[in-house]
Amino acid sequence: MRGEWGKIPDDHFGYASDEERRRKRGLEDWELVEKIPESQRRVPAWFLAIIVVVLIAAFGLTLPFWGDRPGHPRPWFTWGHVAAAIYALVASLFIYFMVTLYGSKRGGRLDNDPGAEDDDIDMQK
């Protein structure tokens, strides 16, 4: 059986109803592509709070009053702090970019919008 993109056969792939098909078989590829951007939510605030708390704890543990040996003082600030801050910033920007790479209907046109213009100039029509 060959299905077409965007079409569900009248026999629901051999199931009694569309609900039974979705319950037992799941969504078709094109249904997933259409529904995931709408159902996708932002990163939860509690997750961001955990990341911030872990970063603050990691920074606090680098301060010189944790586990200093007598006669071996450590500086309060090192280039490692700068490198860690840059690393955290770049990683955060990368994650933000990847999460928002494909927008939602609220954010603008999706690649799979039925009314989207074909803007691929390299492909033959």
PDB file of N, CA and C in Angstrom:
ATOM      1  N   MET A   1       0.853  -1.175   0.000  1.00  0.00           N
ATOM      2  CA  MET A   1       0.000   0.000   0.000  1.00  0.00           C
ATOM      3  C   MET A   1       0.897   1.236   0.000  1.00  0.00           C
ATOM      4  N   ARG A   2       0.627   2.125  -0.890  1.00  0.00           N
ATOM      5  CA  ARG A   2       1.421   3.348  -0.984  1.00  0.00           C
ATOM      6  C   ARG A   2       0.533   4.531  -0.613  1.00  0.00           C
ATOM      7  N   GLY A   3       0.921   5.251   0.425  1.00  0.00           N
ATOM      8  CA  GLY A   3       0.160   6.419   0.833  1.00  0.00           C
ATOM      9  C   GLY A   3       0.716   7.679   0.204  1.00  0.00           C
ATOM     10  N   GLU A   4      -0.120   8.668   0.087  1.00  0.00           N
ATOM     11  CA  GLU A   4       0.310   9.954  -0.441  1.00  0.00           C
ATOM     12  C   GLU A   4       0.490  10.924   0.713  1.00  0.00           C
ATOM     13  N   TRP A   5       1.419  11.839   0.526  1.00  0.00           N
ATOM     14  CA  TRP A   5       1.721  12.836   1.553  1.00  0.00           C
ATOM     15  C   TRP A   5       0.500  13.727   1.754  1.00  0.00           C
ATOM     16  N   GLY A   6       0.012  13.770   2.980  1.00  0.00           N
ATOM     17  CA  GLY A   6      -1.124  14.629   3.295  1.00  0.00           C
ATOM     18  C   GLY A   6      -2.475  13.976   3.095  1.00  0.00           C
ATOM     19  N   LYS A   7      -2.504  12.708   2.737  1.00  0.00           N
ATOM     20  CA  LYS A   7      -3.776  12.023   2.482  1.00  0.00           C
ATOM     21  C   LYS A   7      -3.890  10.798   3.373  1.00  0.00           C
ATOM     22  N   ILE A   8      -5.055  10.637   3.981  1.00  0.00           N
ATOM     23  CA  ILE A   8      -5.361   9.424   4.738  1.00  0.00           C
ATOM     24  C   ILE A   8      -6.387   8.653   3.923  1.00  0.00           C
ATOM     25  N   PRO A   9      -6.123   7.384   3.621  1.00  0.00           N
ATOM     26  CA  PRO A   9      -7.079   6.627   2.817  1.00  0.00           C
ATOM     27  C   PRO A   9      -8.422   6.481   3.535  1.00  0.00           C
ATOM     28  N   ASP A  10      -9.456   6.279   2.743  1.00  0.00           N
ATOM     29  CA  ASP A  10     -10.804   6.162   3.310  1.00  0.00           C
ATOM     30  C   ASP A  10     -10.941   4.958   4.235  1.00  0.00           C
ATOM     31  N   ASP A  11     -10.123   3.919   4.027  1.00  0.00           N
ATOM     32  CA  ASP A  11     -10.231   2.737   4.889  1.00  0.00           C
ATOM     33  C   ASP A  11      -9.389   2.864   6.157  1.00  0.00           C
ATOM     34  N   HIS A  12      -8.755   4.015   6.368  1.00  0.00           N
ATOM     35  CA  HIS A  12      -7.940   4.287   7.568  1.00  0.00           C
ATOM     36  C   HIS A  12      -6.872   3.216   7.774  1.00  0.00           C
ATOM     37  N   PHE A  13      -6.249   2.778   6.681  1.00  0.00           N
ATOM     38  CA  PHE A  13      -5.200   1.748   6.710  1.00  0.00           C
ATOM     39  C   PHE A  13      -5.701   0.443   7.323  1.00  0.00           C
ATOM     40  N   GLY A  14      -6.970   0.129   7.132  1.00  0.00           N
ATOM     41  CA  GLY A  14      -7.528  -1.122   7.627  1.00  0.00           C
ATOM     42  C   GLY A  14      -8.117  -1.043   9.020  1.00  0.00           C
ATOM     43  N   TYR A  15      -8.124   0.102   9.636  1.00  0.00           N
ATOM     44  CA  TYR A  15      -8.700   0.256  10.971  1.00  0.00           C
ATOM     45  C   TYR A  15     -10.135   0.747  10.850  1.00  0.00           C
ATOM     46  N   ALA A  16     -10.915   0.540  11.912  1.00  0.00           N
ATOM     47  CA  ALA A  16     -12.335   0.893  11.879  1.00  0.00           C
ATOM     48  C   ALA A  16     -12.550   2.401  11.819  1.00  0.00           C
ATOM     49  N   SER A  17     -11.714   3.157  12.497  1.00  0.00           N
ATOM     50  CA  SER A  17     -11.888   4.616  12.521  1.00  0.00           C
ATOM     51  C   SER A  17     -10.515   5.284  12.559  1.00  0.00           C
ATOM     52  N   ASP A  18     -10.543   6.588  12.376  1.00  0.00           N
ATOM     53  CA  ASP A  18      -9.293   7.351  12.415  1.00  0.00           C
ATOM     54  C   ASP A  18      -8.707   7.360  13.826  1.00  0.00           C
ATOM     55  N   GLU A  19      -9.588   7.395  14.853  1.00  0.00           N
ATOM     56  CA  GLU A  19      -9.089   7.366  16.236  1.00  0.00           C
ATOM     57  C   GLU A  19      -8.384   6.050  16.549  1.00  0.00           C
ATOM     58  N   GLU A  20      -8.960   4.941  16.065  1.00  0.00           N
ATOM     59  CA  GLU A  20      -8.325   3.641  16.299  1.00  0.00           C
ATOM     60  C   GLU A  20      -6.979   3.572  15.581  1.00  0.00           C
ATOM     61  N   ARG A  21      -6.915   4.113  14.364  1.00  0.00           N
ATOM     62  CA  ARG A  21      -5.646   4.139  13.622  1.00  0.00           C
ATOM     63  C   ARG A  21      -4.588   4.911  14.398  1.00  0.00           C
ATOM     64  N   ARG A  22      -4.955   6.080  14.921  1.00  0.00           N
ATOM     65  CA  ARG A  22      -3.978   6.885  15.666  1.00  0.00           C
ATOM     66  C   ARG A  22      -3.570   6.204  16.971  1.00  0.00           C
ATOM     67  N   ARG A  23      -4.528   5.534  17.626  1.00  0.00           N
ATOM     68  CA  ARG A  23      -4.215   4.882  18.895  1.00  0.00           C
ATOM     69  C   ARG A  23      -3.283   3.681  18.689  1.00  0.00           C
ATOM     70  N   LYS A  24      -3.516   2.883  17.651  1.00  0.00           N
ATOM     71  CA  LYS A  24      -2.732   1.667  17.443  1.00  0.00           C
ATOM     72  C   LYS A  24      -1.505   1.874  16.558  1.00  0.00           C
ATOM     73  N   ARG A  25      -1.615   2.731  15.562  1.00  0.00           N
ATOM     74  CA  ARG A  25      -0.538   2.907  14.586  1.00  0.00           C
ATOM     75  C   ARG A  25       0.259   4.178  14.836  1.00  0.00           C
ATOM     76  N   GLY A  26      -0.373   5.185  15.393  1.00  0.00           N
ATOM     77  CA  GLY A  26       0.295   6.468  15.590  1.00  0.00           C
ATOM     78  C   GLY A  26       0.066   7.381  14.405  1.00  0.00           C
ATOM     79  N   LEU A  27       0.709   8.514  14.438  1.00  0.00           N
ATOM     80  CA  LEU A  27       0.559   9.499  13.372  1.00  0.00           C
ATOM     81  C   LEU A  27       1.444   9.143  12.183  1.00  0.00           C
ATOM     82  N   GLU A  28       1.002   9.526  11.011  1.00  0.00           N
ATOM     83  CA  GLU A  28       1.810   9.383   9.803  1.00  0.00           C
ATOM     84  C   GLU A  28       2.897  10.449   9.818  1.00  0.00           C
ATOM     85  N   ASP A  29       3.900  10.278   8.971  1.00  0.00           N
ATOM     86  CA  ASP A  29       5.013  11.237   8.931  1.00  0.00           C
ATOM     87  C   ASP A  29       4.539  12.659   8.691  1.00  0.00           C
ATOM     88  N   TRP A  30       3.656  12.845   7.723  1.00  0.00           N
ATOM     89  CA  TRP A  30       3.218  14.200   7.398  1.00  0.00           C
ATOM     90  C   TRP A  30       2.406  14.798   8.536  1.00  0.00           C
ATOM     91  N   GLU A  31       1.683  13.951   9.296  1.00  0.00           N
ATOM     92  CA  GLU A  31       0.933  14.458  10.449  1.00  0.00           C
ATOM     93  C   GLU A  31       1.888  14.929  11.545  1.00  0.00           C
ATOM     94  N   LEU A  32       2.972  14.170  11.742  1.00  0.00           N
ATOM     95  CA  LEU A  32       3.972  14.589  12.722  1.00  0.00           C
ATOM     96  C   LEU A  32       4.595  15.923  12.339  1.00  0.00           C
ATOM     97  N   VAL A  33       4.955  16.061  11.062  1.00  0.00           N
ATOM     98  CA  VAL A  33       5.592  17.289  10.592  1.00  0.00           C
ATOM     99  C   VAL A  33       4.675  18.486  10.806  1.00  0.00           C
ATOM    100  N   GLU A  34       3.371  18.287  10.616  1.00  0.00           N
ATOM    101  CA  GLU A  34       2.435  19.397  10.780  1.00  0.00           C
ATOM    102  C   GLU A  34       2.127  19.701  12.232  1.00  0.00           C
ATOM    103  N   LYS A  35       2.124  18.693  13.097  1.00  0.00           N
ATOM    104  CA  LYS A  35       1.664  18.902  14.466  1.00  0.00           C
ATOM    105  C   LYS A  35       2.771  19.200  15.474  1.00  0.00           C
ATOM    106  N   ILE A  36       4.001  18.790  15.228  1.00  0.00           N
ATOM    107  CA  ILE A  36       5.064  18.994  16.213  1.00  0.00           C
ATOM    108  C   ILE A  36       5.330  20.467  16.484  1.00  0.00           C
ATOM    109  N   PRO A  37       5.456  21.337  15.477  1.00  0.00           N
ATOM    110  CA  PRO A  37       5.721  22.741  15.807  1.00  0.00           C
ATOM    111  C   PRO A  37       4.630  23.381  16.656  1.00  0.00           C
ATOM    112  N   GLU A  38       3.369  22.972  16.471  1.00  0.00           N
ATOM    113  CA  GLU A  38       2.282  23.548  17.256  1.00  0.00           C
ATOM    114  C   GLU A  38       2.334  23.080  18.700  1.00  0.00           C
ATOM    115  N   SER A  39       2.720  21.833  18.920  1.00  0.00           N
ATOM    116  CA  SER A  39       2.697  21.280  20.268  1.00  0.00           C
ATOM    117  C   SER A  39       4.001  21.494  21.018  1.00  0.00           C
ATOM    118  N   GLN A  40       5.038  21.913  20.320  1.00  0.00           N
ATOM    119  CA  GLN A  40       6.337  22.083  20.965  1.00  0.00           C
ATOM    120  C   GLN A  40       6.301  23.288  21.895  1.00  0.00           C
ATOM    121  N   ARG A  41       6.768  23.086  23.108  1.00  0.00           N
ATOM    122  CA  ARG A  41       6.755  24.160  24.096  1.00  0.00           C
ATOM    123  C   ARG A  41       8.166  24.660  24.327  1.00  0.00           C
ATOM    124  N   ARG A  42       8.248  25.811  24.964  1.00  0.00           N
ATOM    125  CA  ARG A  42       9.542  26.393  25.287  1.00  0.00           C
ATOM    126  C   ARG A  42      10.227  25.577  26.385  1.00  0.00           C
ATOM    127  N   VAL A  43      11.498  25.842  26.589  1.00  0.00           N
ATOM    128  CA  VAL A  43      12.237  25.170  27.657  1.00  0.00           C
ATOM    129  C   VAL A  43      11.637  25.629  28.986  1.00  0.00           C
ATOM    130  N   PRO A  44      11.294  24.702  29.892  1.00  0.00           N
ATOM    131  CA  PRO A  44      10.649  25.097  31.146  1.00  0.00           C
ATOM    132  C   PRO A  44      11.571  25.922  32.038  1.00  0.00           C
ATOM    133  N   ALA A  45      10.959  26.827  32.800  1.00  0.00           N
ATOM    134  CA  ALA A  45      11.716  27.728  33.672  1.00  0.00           C
ATOM    135  C   ALA A  45      12.472  26.949  34.751  1.00  0.00           C
ATOM    136  N   TRP A  46      11.900  25.858  35.264  1.00  0.00           N
ATOM    137  CA  TRP A  46      12.580  25.097  36.312  1.00  0.00           C
ATOM    138  C   TRP A  46      13.887  24.502  35.787  1.00  0.00           C
ATOM    139  N   PHE A  47      13.925  24.106  34.500  1.00  0.00           N
ATOM    140  CA  PHE A  47      15.148  23.558  33.923  1.00  0.00           C
ATOM    141  C   PHE A  47      16.220  24.637  33.835  1.00  0.00           C
ATOM    142  N   LEU A  48      15.830  25.829  33.392  1.00  0.00           N
ATOM    143  CA  LEU A  48      16.778  26.941  33.335  1.00  0.00           C
ATOM    144  C   LEU A  48      17.283  27.296  34.731  1.00  0.00           C
ATOM    145  N   ALA A  49      16.396  27.241  35.738  1.00  0.00           N
ATOM    146  CA  ALA A  49      16.801  27.539  37.112  1.00  0.00           C
ATOM    147  C   ALA A  49      17.835  26.526  37.607  1.00  0.00           C
ATOM    148  N   ILE A  50      17.658  25.258  37.273  1.00  0.00           N
ATOM    149  CA  ILE A  50      18.633  24.234  37.677  1.00  0.00           C
ATOM    150  C   ILE A  50      19.988  24.516  37.041  1.00  0.00           C
ATOM    151  N   ILE A  51      20.001  24.877  35.764  1.00  0.00           N
ATOM    152  CA  ILE A  51      21.259  25.189  35.077  1.00  0.00           C
ATOM    153  C   ILE A  51      21.953  26.366  35.755  1.00  0.00           C
ATOM    154  N   VAL A  52      21.200  27.415  36.079  1.00  0.00           N
ATOM    155  CA  VAL A  52      21.783  28.598  36.728  1.00  0.00           C
ATOM    156  C   VAL A  52      22.340  28.231  38.101  1.00  0.00           C
ATOM    157  N   VAL A  53      21.613  27.446  38.883  1.00  0.00           N
ATOM    158  CA  VAL A  53      22.087  27.047  40.219  1.00  0.00           C
ATOM    159  C   VAL A  53      23.366  26.218  40.109  1.00  0.00           C
ATOM    160  N   VAL A  54      23.423  25.306  39.151  1.00  0.00           N
ATOM    161  CA  VAL A  54      24.631  24.484  38.976  1.00  0.00           C
ATOM    162  C   VAL A  54      25.820  25.355  38.576  1.00  0.00           C
ATOM    163  N   LEU A  55      25.602  26.330  37.681  1.00  0.00           N
ATOM    164  CA  LEU A  55      26.692  27.224  37.282  1.00  0.00           C
ATOM    165  C   LEU A  55      27.175  28.083  38.449  1.00  0.00           C
ATOM    166  N   ILE A  56      26.248  28.573  39.266  1.00  0.00           N
ATOM    167  CA  ILE A  56      26.645  29.368  40.438  1.00  0.00           C
ATOM    168  C   ILE A  56      27.423  28.501  41.427  1.00  0.00           C
ATOM    169  N   ALA A  57      26.965  27.267  41.653  1.00  0.00           N
ATOM    170  CA  ALA A  57      27.685  26.369  42.560  1.00  0.00           C
ATOM    171  C   ALA A  57      29.076  26.049  42.017  1.00  0.00           C
ATOM    172  N   ALA A  58      29.184  25.827  40.710  1.00  0.00           N
ATOM    173  CA  ALA A  58      30.495  25.541  40.115  1.00  0.00           C
ATOM    174  C   ALA A  58      31.427  26.731  40.271  1.00  0.00           C
ATOM    175  N   PHE A  59      30.910  27.934  40.059  1.00  0.00           N
ATOM    176  CA  PHE A  59      31.738  29.124  40.243  1.00  0.00           C
ATOM    177  C   PHE A  59      32.150  29.275  41.705  1.00  0.00           C
ATOM    178  N   GLY A  60      31.217  29.046  42.616  1.00  0.00           N
ATOM    179  CA  GLY A  60      31.530  29.158  44.041  1.00  0.00           C
ATOM    180  C   GLY A  60      32.613  28.187  44.476  1.00  0.00           C
ATOM    181  N   LEU A  61      32.615  26.998  43.895  1.00  0.00           N
ATOM    182  CA  LEU A  61      33.629  26.009  44.263  1.00  0.00           C
ATOM    183  C   LEU A  61      35.013  26.352  43.722  1.00  0.00           C
ATOM    184  N   THR A  62      35.096  27.274  42.765  1.00  0.00           N
ATOM    185  CA  THR A  62      36.409  27.681  42.256  1.00  0.00           C
ATOM    186  C   THR A  62      37.037  28.781  43.096  1.00  0.00           C
ATOM    187  N   LEU A  63      36.285  29.364  43.999  1.00  0.00           N
ATOM    188  CA  LEU A  63      36.831  30.450  44.816  1.00  0.00           C
ATOM    189  C   LEU A  63      37.874  29.900  45.783  1.00  0.00           C
ATOM    190  N   PRO A  64      38.848  30.725  46.165  1.00  0.00           N
ATOM    191  CA  PRO A  64      40.023  30.210  46.882  1.00  0.00           C
ATOM    192  C   PRO A  64      39.789  29.753  48.317  1.00  0.00           C
ATOM    193  N   PHE A  65      38.653  29.985  48.918  1.00  0.00           N
ATOM    194  CA  PHE A  65      38.491  29.532  50.302  1.00  0.00           C
ATOM    195  C   PHE A  65      37.940  28.118  50.402  1.00  0.00           C
ATOM    196  N   TRP A  66      37.818  27.406  49.313  1.00  0.00           N
ATOM    197  CA  TRP A  66      37.390  26.010  49.339  1.00  0.00           C
ATOM    198  C   TRP A  66      38.610  25.108  49.149  1.00  0.00           C
ATOM    199  N   GLY A  67      39.053  24.461  50.173  1.00  0.00           N
ATOM    200  CA  GLY A  67      40.109  23.463  50.074  1.00  0.00           C
ATOM    201  C   GLY A  67      41.493  24.011  49.807  1.00  0.00           C
ATOM    202  N   ASP A  68      41.791  25.198  50.289  1.00  0.00           N
ATOM    203  CA  ASP A  68      43.143  25.734  50.116  1.00  0.00           C
ATOM    204  C   ASP A  68      44.122  24.999  51.019  1.00  0.00           C
ATOM    205  N   ARG A  69      45.308  24.770  50.470  1.00  0.00           N
ATOM    206  CA  ARG A  69      46.374  24.190  51.282  1.00  0.00           C
ATOM    207  C   ARG A  69      47.212  25.331  51.849  1.00  0.00           C
ATOM    208  N   PRO A  70      47.663  25.213  53.075  1.00  0.00           N
ATOM    209  CA  PRO A  70      48.495  26.276  53.648  1.00  0.00           C
ATOM    210  C   PRO A  70      49.761  26.469  52.821  1.00  0.00           C
ATOM    211  N   GLY A  71      50.065  27.720  52.530  1.00  0.00           N
ATOM    212  CA  GLY A  71      51.262  28.039  51.775  1.00  0.00           C
ATOM    213  C   GLY A  71      51.082  27.994  50.272  1.00  0.00           C
ATOM    214  N   HIS A  72      49.906  27.643  49.796  1.00  0.00           N
ATOM    215  CA  HIS A  72      49.626  27.599  48.359  1.00  0.00           C
ATOM    216  C   HIS A  72      48.372  28.431  48.060  1.00  0.00           C
ATOM    217  N   PRO A  73      48.506  29.729  48.094  1.00  0.00           N
ATOM    218  CA  PRO A  73      47.321  30.568  47.848  1.00  0.00           C
ATOM    219  C   PRO A  73      46.902  30.517  46.374  1.00  0.00           C
ATOM    220  N   ARG A  74      45.613  30.683  46.156  1.00  0.00           N
ATOM    221  CA  ARG A  74      45.074  30.712  44.791  1.00  0.00           C
ATOM    222  C   ARG A  74      44.510  32.096  44.514  1.00  0.00           C
ATOM    223  N   PRO A  75      44.580  32.542  43.269  1.00  0.00           N
ATOM    224  CA  PRO A  75      43.999  33.849  42.940  1.00  0.00           C
ATOM    225  C   PRO A  75      42.466  33.776  42.926  1.00  0.00           C
ATOM    226  N   TRP A  76      41.833  34.926  43.154  1.00  0.00           N
ATOM    227  CA  TRP A  76      40.378  34.991  43.138  1.00  0.00           C
ATOM    228  C   TRP A  76      39.825  34.912  41.720  1.00  0.00           C
ATOM    229  N   PHE A  77      40.586  35.391  40.783  1.00  0.00           N
ATOM    230  CA  PHE A  77      40.108  35.439  39.405  1.00  0.00           C
ATOM    231  C   PHE A  77      41.182  34.874  38.480  1.00  0.00           C
ATOM    232  N   THR A  78      40.779  33.989  37.559  1.00  0.00           N
ATOM    233  CA  THR A  78      41.716  33.423  36.583  1.00  0.00           C
ATOM    234  C   THR A  78      41.090  33.494  35.187  1.00  0.00           C
ATOM    235  N   TRP A  79      41.922  33.226  34.187  1.00  0.00           N
ATOM    236  CA  TRP A  79      41.403  33.191  32.826  1.00  0.00           C
ATOM    237  C   TRP A  79      40.465  32.008  32.620  1.00  0.00           C
ATOM    238  N   GLY A  80      40.526  31.042  33.498  1.00  0.00           N
ATOM    239  CA  GLY A  80      39.576  29.930  33.429  1.00  0.00           C
ATOM    240  C   GLY A  80      38.145  30.392  33.659  1.00  0.00           C
ATOM    241  N   HIS A  81      37.972  31.402  34.523  1.00  0.00           N
ATOM    242  CA  HIS A  81      36.637  31.963  34.740  1.00  0.00           C
ATOM    243  C   HIS A  81      36.116  32.608  33.456  1.00  0.00           C
ATOM    244  N   VAL A  82      36.981  33.331  32.761  1.00  0.00           N
ATOM    245  CA  VAL A  82      36.588  33.974  31.502  1.00  0.00           C
ATOM    246  C   VAL A  82      36.247  32.911  30.455  1.00  0.00           C
ATOM    247  N   ALA A  83      37.089  31.893  30.350  1.00  0.00           N
ATOM    248  CA  ALA A  83      36.837  30.820  29.382  1.00  0.00           C
ATOM    249  C   ALA A  83      35.523  30.104  29.695  1.00  0.00           C
ATOM    250  N   ALA A  84      35.259  29.858  30.972  1.00  0.00           N
ATOM    251  CA  ALA A  84      34.014  29.189  31.354  1.00  0.00           C
ATOM    252  C   ALA A  84      32.805  30.058  31.032  1.00  0.00           C
ATOM    253  N   ALA A  85      32.911  31.365  31.260  1.00  0.00           N
ATOM    254  CA  ALA A  85      31.804  32.272  30.946  1.00  0.00           C
ATOM    255  C   ALA A  85      31.548  32.315  29.442  1.00  0.00           C
ATOM    256  N   ILE A  86      32.614  32.367  28.654  1.00  0.00           N
ATOM    257  CA  ILE A  86      32.455  32.378  27.195  1.00  0.00           C
ATOM    258  C   ILE A  86      31.859  31.053  26.718  1.00  0.00           C
ATOM    259  N   TYR A  87      32.342  29.953  27.275  1.00  0.00           N
ATOM    260  CA  TYR A  87      31.815  28.641  26.913  1.00  0.00           C
ATOM    261  C   TYR A  87      30.322  28.553  27.222  1.00  0.00           C
ATOM    262  N   ALA A  88      29.914  28.997  28.415  1.00  0.00           N
ATOM    263  CA  ALA A  88      28.503  28.948  28.802  1.00  0.00           C
ATOM    264  C   ALA A  88      27.661  29.838  27.892  1.00  0.00           C
ATOM    265  N   LEU A  89      28.178  31.006  27.535  1.00  0.00           N
ATOM    266  CA  LEU A  89      27.445  31.919  26.660  1.00  0.00           C
ATOM    267  C   LEU A  89      27.283  31.329  25.258  1.00  0.00           C
ATOM    268  N   VAL A  90      28.357  30.796  24.698  1.00  0.00           N
ATOM    269  CA  VAL A  90      28.289  30.206  23.356  1.00  0.00           C
ATOM    270  C   VAL A  90      27.356  28.991  23.355  1.00  0.00           C
ATOM    271  N   ALA A  91      27.456  28.150  24.372  1.00  0.00           N
ATOM    272  CA  ALA A  91      26.585  26.976  24.453  1.00  0.00           C
ATOM    273  C   ALA A  91      25.124  27.394  24.584  1.00  0.00           C
ATOM    274  N   SER A  92      24.849  28.416  25.379  1.00  0.00           N
ATOM    275  CA  SER A  92      23.475  28.900  25.538  1.00  0.00           C
ATOM    276  C   SER A  92      22.930  29.452  24.226  1.00  0.00           C
ATOM    277  N   LEU A  93      23.739  30.217  23.520  1.00  0.00           N
ATOM    278  CA  LEU A  93      23.298  30.760  22.232  1.00  0.00           C
ATOM    279  C   LEU A  93      23.048  29.648  21.215  1.00  0.00           C
ATOM    280  N   PHE A  94      23.916  28.635  21.207  1.00  0.00           N
ATOM    281  CA  PHE A  94      23.735  27.512  20.294  1.00  0.00           C
ATOM    282  C   PHE A  94      22.440  26.764  20.601  1.00  0.00           C
ATOM    283  N   ILE A  95      22.193  26.496  21.882  1.00  0.00           N
ATOM    284  CA  ILE A  95      20.969  25.794  22.273  1.00  0.00           C
ATOM    285  C   ILE A  95      19.745  26.631  21.922  1.00  0.00           C
ATOM    286  N   TYR A  96      19.796  27.933  22.202  1.00  0.00           N
ATOM    287  CA  TYR A  96      18.674  28.813  21.860  1.00  0.00           C
ATOM    288  C   TYR A  96      18.417  28.789  20.353  1.00  0.00           C
ATOM    289  N   PHE A  97      19.486  28.866  19.556  1.00  0.00           N
ATOM    290  CA  PHE A  97      19.332  28.842  18.102  1.00  0.00           C
ATOM    291  C   PHE A  97      18.711  27.528  17.641  1.00  0.00           C
ATOM    292  N   MET A  98      19.165  26.403  18.179  1.00  0.00           N
ATOM    293  CA  MET A  98      18.650  25.110  17.751  1.00  0.00           C
ATOM    294  C   MET A  98      17.194  24.919  18.169  1.00  0.00           C
ATOM    295  N   VAL A  99      16.821  25.446  19.341  1.00  0.00           N
ATOM    296  CA  VAL A  99      15.438  25.306  19.799  1.00  0.00           C
ATOM    297  C   VAL A  99      14.498  26.146  18.938  1.00  0.00           C
ATOM    298  N   THR A 100      14.943  27.319  18.517  1.00  0.00           N
ATOM    299  CA  THR A 100      14.079  28.215  17.743  1.00  0.00           C
ATOM    300  C   THR A 100      14.371  28.165  16.249  1.00  0.00           C
ATOM    301  N   LEU A 101      15.111  27.167  15.794  1.00  0.00           N
ATOM    302  CA  LEU A 101      15.472  27.081  14.381  1.00  0.00           C
ATOM    303  C   LEU A 101      14.237  27.016  13.498  1.00  0.00           C
ATOM    304  N   TYR A 102      13.311  26.167  13.841  1.00  0.00           N
ATOM    305  CA  TYR A 102      12.065  26.069  13.091  1.00  0.00           C
ATOM    306  C   TYR A 102      10.982  26.716  13.924  1.00  0.00           C
ATOM    307  N   GLY A 103      10.361  27.728  13.371  1.00  0.00           N
ATOM    308  CA  GLY A 103       9.365  28.489  14.110  1.00  0.00           C
ATOM    309  C   GLY A 103       8.043  27.768  14.190  1.00  0.00           C
ATOM    310  N   SER A 104       7.106  28.437  14.766  1.00  0.00           N
ATOM    311  CA  SER A 104       5.747  27.925  14.823  1.00  0.00           C
ATOM    312  C   SER A 104       4.885  28.812  13.943  1.00  0.00           C
ATOM    313  N   LYS A 105       3.622  28.499  13.871  1.00  0.00           N
ATOM    314  CA  LYS A 105       2.720  29.328  13.069  1.00  0.00           C
ATOM    315  C   LYS A 105       2.656  30.739  13.638  1.00  0.00           C
ATOM    316  N   ARG A 106       2.840  30.848  14.948  1.00  0.00           N
ATOM    317  CA  ARG A 106       2.865  32.180  15.561  1.00  0.00           C
ATOM    318  C   ARG A 106       4.116  32.939  15.158  1.00  0.00           C
ATOM    319  N   GLY A 107       5.198  32.207  14.904  1.00  0.00           N
ATOM    320  CA  GLY A 107       6.472  32.848  14.601  1.00  0.00           C
ATOM    321  C   GLY A 107       6.684  33.150  13.134  1.00  0.00           C
ATOM    322  N   GLY A 108       5.803  32.715  12.271  1.00  0.00           N
ATOM    323  CA  GLY A 108       5.986  32.981  10.852  1.00  0.00           C
ATOM    324  C   GLY A 108       5.795  31.742  10.009  1.00  0.00           C
ATOM    325  N   ARG A 109       6.212  31.813   8.762  1.00  0.00           N
ATOM    326  CA  ARG A 109       6.009  30.741   7.797  1.00  0.00           C
ATOM    327  C   ARG A 109       6.880  29.535   8.128  1.00  0.00           C
ATOM    328  N   LEU A 110       6.268  28.376   8.077  1.00  0.00           N
ATOM    329  CA  LEU A 110       7.006  27.130   8.221  1.00  0.00           C
ATOM    330  C   LEU A 110       7.363  26.595   6.844  1.00  0.00           C
ATOM    331  N   ASP A 111       8.362  25.732   6.792  1.00  0.00           N
ATOM    332  CA  ASP A 111       8.751  25.125   5.523  1.00  0.00           C
ATOM    333  C   ASP A 111       7.636  24.273   4.932  1.00  0.00           C
ATOM    334  N   ASN A 112       6.809  23.692   5.787  1.00  0.00           N
ATOM    335  CA  ASN A 112       5.783  22.776   5.306  1.00  0.00           C
ATOM    336  C   ASN A 112       4.415  23.431   5.192  1.00  0.00           C
ATOM    337  N   ASP A 113       4.312  24.752   5.294  1.00  0.00           N
ATOM    338  CA  ASP A 113       3.023  25.414   5.132  1.00  0.00           C
ATOM    339  C   ASP A 113       2.492  25.156   3.730  1.00  0.00           C
ATOM    340  N   PRO A 114       1.217  24.777   3.611  1.00  0.00           N
ATOM    341  CA  PRO A 114       0.678  24.488   2.281  1.00  0.00           C
ATOM    342  C   PRO A 114       0.725  25.701   1.350  1.00  0.00           C
ATOM    343  N   GLY A 115       0.575  26.903   1.883  1.00  0.00           N
ATOM    344  CA  GLY A 115       0.571  28.094   1.051  1.00  0.00           C
ATOM    345  C   GLY A 115       1.930  28.721   0.865  1.00  0.00           C
ATOM    346  N   ALA A 116       2.972  28.042   1.309  1.00  0.00           N
ATOM    347  CA  ALA A 116       4.315  28.620   1.231  1.00  0.00           C
ATOM    348  C   ALA A 116       4.797  28.630  -0.215  1.00  0.00           C
ATOM    349  N   GLU A 117       5.434  29.727  -0.592  1.00  0.00           N
ATOM    350  CA  GLU A 117       5.994  29.804  -1.938  1.00  0.00           C
ATOM    351  C   GLU A 117       7.228  28.920  -2.031  1.00  0.00           C
ATOM    352  N   ASP A 118       7.441  28.385  -3.212  1.00  0.00           N
ATOM    353  CA  ASP A 118       8.634  27.580  -3.443  1.00  0.00           C
ATOM    354  C   ASP A 118       9.783  28.532  -3.735  1.00  0.00           C
ATOM    355  N   ASP A 119      10.692  28.669  -2.787  1.00  0.00           N
ATOM    356  CA  ASP A 119      11.784  29.621  -2.968  1.00  0.00           C
ATOM    357  C   ASP A 119      13.109  28.936  -3.297  1.00  0.00           C
ATOM    358  N   ASP A 120      13.045  27.665  -3.657  1.00  0.00           N
ATOM    359  CA  ASP A 120      14.261  26.942  -4.007  1.00  0.00           C
ATOM    360  C   ASP A 120      14.541  27.152  -5.490  1.00  0.00           C
ATOM    361  N   ILE A 121      15.483  28.028  -5.801  1.00  0.00           N
ATOM    362  CA  ILE A 121      15.736  28.381  -7.196  1.00  0.00           C
ATOM    363  C   ILE A 121      16.611  27.355  -7.906  1.00  0.00           C
ATOM    364  N   ASP A 122      17.232  26.460  -7.144  1.00  0.00           N
ATOM    365  CA  ASP A 122      18.136  25.483  -7.749  1.00  0.00           C
ATOM    366  C   ASP A 122      17.415  24.248  -8.278  1.00  0.00           C
ATOM    367  N   MET A 123      16.215  24.002  -7.799  1.00  0.00           N
ATOM    368  CA  MET A 123      15.489  22.795  -8.192  1.00  0.00           C
ATOM    369  C   MET A 123      14.570  23.097  -9.368  1.00  0.00           C
ATOM    370  N   GLN A 124      14.488  22.136 -10.285  1.00  0.00           N
ATOM    371  CA  GLN A 124      13.559  22.293 -11.399  1.00  0.00           C
ATOM    372  C   GLN A 124      12.148  22.058 -10.909  1.00  0.00           C
ATOM    373  N   LYS A 125      11.235  22.732 -11.499  1.00  0.00           N
ATOM    374  CA  LYS A 125       9.834  22.615 -11.079  1.00  0.00           C
ATOM    375  C   LYS A 125       9.150  21.504 -11.829  1.00  0.00           C
TER     376      LYS A 125
END
